[in-house]
Protein backbone atom coordinates (compact mmCIF):
# COMPACT_ATOMS: atom_id res chain seq x y z
CA LEU A 1 14.52 -22.52 4.90
CA ASN A 2 11.03 -21.38 5.87
CA ALA A 3 10.20 -20.45 2.27
CA THR A 4 11.44 -23.84 1.04
CA TYR A 5 9.17 -25.60 3.51
CA PHE A 6 6.11 -23.58 2.48
CA ARG A 7 6.85 -24.05 -1.24
CA SER A 8 7.15 -27.83 -0.67
CA ARG A 9 3.60 -27.72 0.74
CA LYS A 10 2.40 -25.77 -2.33
CA LEU A 11 1.81 -22.63 -0.28
CA PRO A 12 2.67 -19.28 -1.84
CA VAL A 13 5.35 -17.16 -0.23
CA LEU A 14 4.94 -13.39 -0.34
CA GLY A 15 8.59 -12.62 0.20
CA ALA A 16 10.91 -11.89 3.07
CA ILE A 17 11.85 -9.40 5.73
CA PHE A 18 15.39 -9.54 7.05
CA ASN A 19 16.26 -8.26 10.49
CA ARG A 20 18.93 -7.86 13.17
CA PHE A 21 21.68 -6.47 10.95
CA PRO A 22 24.29 -4.34 12.70
CA ASP A 23 24.33 -0.81 11.33
CA ASP A 24 28.12 -0.57 11.08
CA ASP A 25 30.92 -1.39 8.62
CA SER A 26 31.31 -5.07 9.56
CA TYR A 27 31.12 -7.91 7.04
CA TYR A 28 27.52 -8.74 8.10
CA SER A 29 26.44 -5.12 8.25
CA LEU A 30 23.08 -3.91 7.05
CA LYS A 31 24.70 -2.17 4.09
CA ASN A 32 26.67 -5.24 2.89
CA CYS A 33 23.90 -7.79 3.43
CA LYS A 34 21.20 -5.60 1.92
CA ALA A 35 23.17 -5.31 -1.32
CA ALA A 36 23.89 -9.05 -1.54
CA ILE A 37 20.36 -10.18 -0.65
CA SER A 38 18.68 -7.66 -2.97
CA ASN A 39 20.93 -8.78 -5.81
CA TYR A 40 20.08 -12.45 -5.14
CA PHE A 41 16.33 -11.80 -5.12
CA GLN A 42 16.54 -9.79 -8.36
CA LYS A 43 18.38 -12.64 -10.10
CA MET A 44 16.13 -15.37 -8.70
CA GLU A 45 12.74 -13.58 -8.83
CA SER A 46 11.28 -15.60 -11.71
CA SER A 47 12.38 -18.97 -10.31
CA MET A 48 11.11 -18.08 -6.83
CA GLY A 49 7.56 -17.29 -7.95
CA GLY A 50 7.86 -13.54 -7.70
CA GLU A 51 8.91 -13.44 -4.05
CA LYS A 52 10.18 -10.04 -3.01
CA VAL A 53 12.26 -8.48 -0.28
CA PHE A 54 9.98 -6.23 1.71
CA GLY A 55 12.55 -4.79 4.05
CA PHE A 56 15.74 -4.84 6.05
CA ILE A 57 15.51 -3.99 9.73
CA PRO A 58 18.68 -3.00 11.54
CA GLU A 59 19.48 -4.32 15.00
CA VAL A 60 17.32 -2.33 17.37
CA GLU A 61 19.24 -1.30 20.45
CA GLY A 62 17.57 -2.42 23.61
CA ILE A 63 15.74 -5.40 22.13
CA ALA A 64 18.69 -7.74 21.69
CA ASN A 65 19.88 -7.16 25.23
CA SER A 66 16.62 -6.25 27.01
CA ARG A 67 16.62 -9.50 29.01
CA LYS A 68 20.35 -9.86 29.52
CA ALA A 69 21.84 -9.57 32.97
CA GLY A 70 23.04 -6.06 33.50
CA ASN A 71 19.85 -4.53 32.19
CA GLY A 72 18.49 -2.13 34.78
CA ALA A 73 15.00 -3.63 34.67
CA ALA A 74 16.24 -7.21 34.93
CA ASN A 75 18.27 -6.31 38.01
CA GLY A 76 15.49 -4.29 39.59
CA GLN A 77 17.56 -1.12 39.45
CA GLU A 78 15.91 2.23 39.36
CA GLU A 79 15.76 4.38 36.27
CA GLY A 80 15.02 7.96 37.22
CA PRO A 81 12.58 8.58 40.06
CA GLN A 82 10.55 5.40 39.40
CA LYS A 83 11.58 1.79 39.10
CA LYS A 84 10.90 0.24 35.66
CA SER A 85 9.62 -3.31 35.55
CA GLU A 86 10.79 -5.79 32.97
CA LEU A 87 7.44 -5.34 31.21
CA ASP A 88 7.95 -1.56 31.11
CA TRP A 89 11.35 -2.05 29.50
CA ALA A 90 9.96 -4.57 27.01
CA MET A 91 7.09 -2.26 26.04
CA GLU A 92 9.42 0.68 25.62
CA HIS A 93 11.66 -1.35 23.34
CA ALA A 94 8.67 -2.79 21.46
CA ASP A 95 7.72 0.74 20.47
CA VAL A 96 11.26 1.30 19.19
CA PHE A 97 11.04 -1.90 17.12
CA ILE A 98 7.61 -1.01 15.75
CA ASN A 99 8.93 2.38 14.64
CA SER A 100 11.95 0.72 13.02
CA PHE A 101 9.66 -1.78 11.28
CA ALA A 102 7.47 1.02 9.93
CA GLU A 103 10.52 2.89 8.62
CA ASN A 104 12.23 -0.10 6.99
CA VAL A 105 9.48 -2.43 5.71
CA ASP A 106 7.27 -1.95 2.65
CA VAL A 107 3.98 -2.96 4.31
CA SER A 108 1.82 -1.70 1.44
CA GLY A 109 3.97 -3.74 -0.97
CA MET A 110 3.32 -6.84 1.14
CA LEU A 111 -0.42 -6.19 1.02
CA ARG A 112 -0.36 -5.66 -2.76
CA ARG A 113 1.56 -8.94 -3.21
CA ALA A 114 -0.87 -10.80 -0.91
CA GLU A 115 -3.84 -9.47 -2.90
CA ALA A 116 -2.21 -10.44 -6.20
CA LEU A 117 -1.55 -13.98 -4.95
CA ARG A 118 -5.12 -14.22 -3.64
CA GLN A 119 -6.54 -13.09 -6.97
CA SER A 120 -4.27 -15.50 -8.84
CA HIS A 121 -5.45 -18.37 -6.63
CA ILE A 122 -9.12 -17.51 -7.29
CA GLU A 123 -8.48 -17.28 -11.04
CA THR A 124 -6.74 -20.66 -10.94
CA LEU A 125 -9.80 -22.18 -9.25
CA MET A 126 -12.16 -20.49 -11.70
CA ALA A 127 -10.22 -21.24 -14.92
CA PRO A 128 -11.39 -24.85 -15.41
CA MET A 129 -15.02 -23.84 -14.89
CA MET A 130 -14.77 -20.85 -17.21
CA HIS A 131 -13.24 -23.05 -19.93
CA LYS A 132 -15.71 -25.92 -19.37
CA ASN A 133 -18.70 -23.61 -19.78
CA GLY A 134 -17.28 -21.94 -22.87
CA ASN A 135 -17.00 -18.63 -21.04
CA HIS A 136 -13.75 -17.26 -22.47
CA GLY A 137 -13.27 -13.71 -21.24
CA ASN A 138 -16.90 -13.03 -20.33
CA VAL A 139 -17.24 -11.78 -16.78
CA PRO A 140 -19.79 -13.80 -14.77
CA SER A 141 -22.01 -12.17 -12.14
CA ILE A 142 -20.91 -12.11 -8.51
CA ALA A 143 -23.54 -14.72 -7.62
CA THR A 144 -22.28 -16.96 -10.41
CA LYS A 145 -18.66 -16.54 -9.31
CA LYS A 146 -19.56 -17.41 -5.73
CA ALA A 147 -21.57 -20.46 -6.75
CA ARG A 148 -18.82 -21.66 -9.08
CA LEU A 149 -16.21 -21.21 -6.40
CA ASP A 150 -18.39 -23.05 -3.88
CA ASN A 151 -18.90 -25.84 -6.43
CA ALA A 152 -15.18 -26.06 -7.14
CA LEU A 153 -14.35 -26.26 -3.47
CA SER A 154 -17.05 -28.88 -2.80
CA GLY A 155 -16.19 -30.92 -5.91
CA THR A 156 -19.68 -30.64 -7.43
CA ALA A 157 -20.37 -30.08 -11.09
CA SER A 158 -20.59 -26.61 -12.58
CA MET A 159 -23.96 -24.88 -12.81
CA ASN A 160 -25.92 -24.56 -16.01
CA SER A 161 -27.37 -21.22 -17.14
CA LYS A 162 -30.86 -21.99 -15.73
CA THR A 163 -29.34 -22.60 -12.28
CA GLU A 164 -27.38 -19.36 -12.61
CA GLN A 165 -30.60 -17.46 -13.39
CA GLN A 166 -32.36 -19.05 -10.42
CA LEU A 167 -29.46 -18.12 -8.16
CA ASP A 168 -29.50 -14.52 -9.34
CA ILE A 169 -33.28 -14.33 -8.76
CA SER A 170 -33.23 -16.08 -5.37
CA ILE A 171 -30.93 -13.49 -3.87
CA SER A 172 -33.55 -10.72 -4.16
CA ARG A 173 -36.71 -12.67 -3.22
CA THR A 174 -38.83 -11.91 -0.16
CA ARG A 175 -39.68 -14.45 2.53
CA GLU A 176 -43.23 -14.72 1.18
CA GLN A 177 -41.91 -15.46 -2.32
CA ILE A 178 -39.64 -18.17 -0.95
CA GLU A 179 -42.47 -19.76 1.07
CA GLN A 180 -44.79 -19.61 -1.97
CA ASP A 181 -42.13 -21.27 -4.14
CA ALA A 182 -41.56 -23.96 -1.50
CA GLN A 183 -45.31 -24.75 -1.27
CA THR A 184 -45.55 -24.85 -5.07
CA HIS A 185 -42.85 -27.52 -5.06
CA GLY A 186 -44.62 -29.64 -2.43
CA ALA A 187 -43.28 -28.36 0.88
CA ALA A 188 -45.75 -28.69 3.77
CA GLY A 189 -45.92 -25.67 6.04
CA GLY A 190 -46.12 -26.09 9.82
């Protein structure tokens, strides 16, 4: 449901992480659900915009029931020589979850997918300007790319080659050069 909402707003979805599966032989076990969900994503990958499954996290003992009555911390019972607060219990279980997350989620895959979507978005913004200027396959300078992207986002027209040259030059000018240029063009110094 979350992915459907984001897609309806034209926002890209990286993929999904599924959690809280019991690690047993039940119908909704990690093993059974992982197979069914992975199969679904493989079949639907092209229609879902390349969304991927980045991991399956089993139910982490202690998290699901860390606030339930009967928990030693919730009842103020002692654990060993010192009493553990509810925060102590939560932090202890957070570490367990973080470890489980690290073991079961492809974080580097998520980052690669995010970078690919980011690059695709930039190329989509740049494509009309590249085509309009007759630049098919030529790689513009970084300054030109930035200016074109700024223009696209602000809705202004694309730069011409003279403006591109001025932009490339202006980046490496000294303060004195800038002041001289400003005075040449009629600026009054104070």
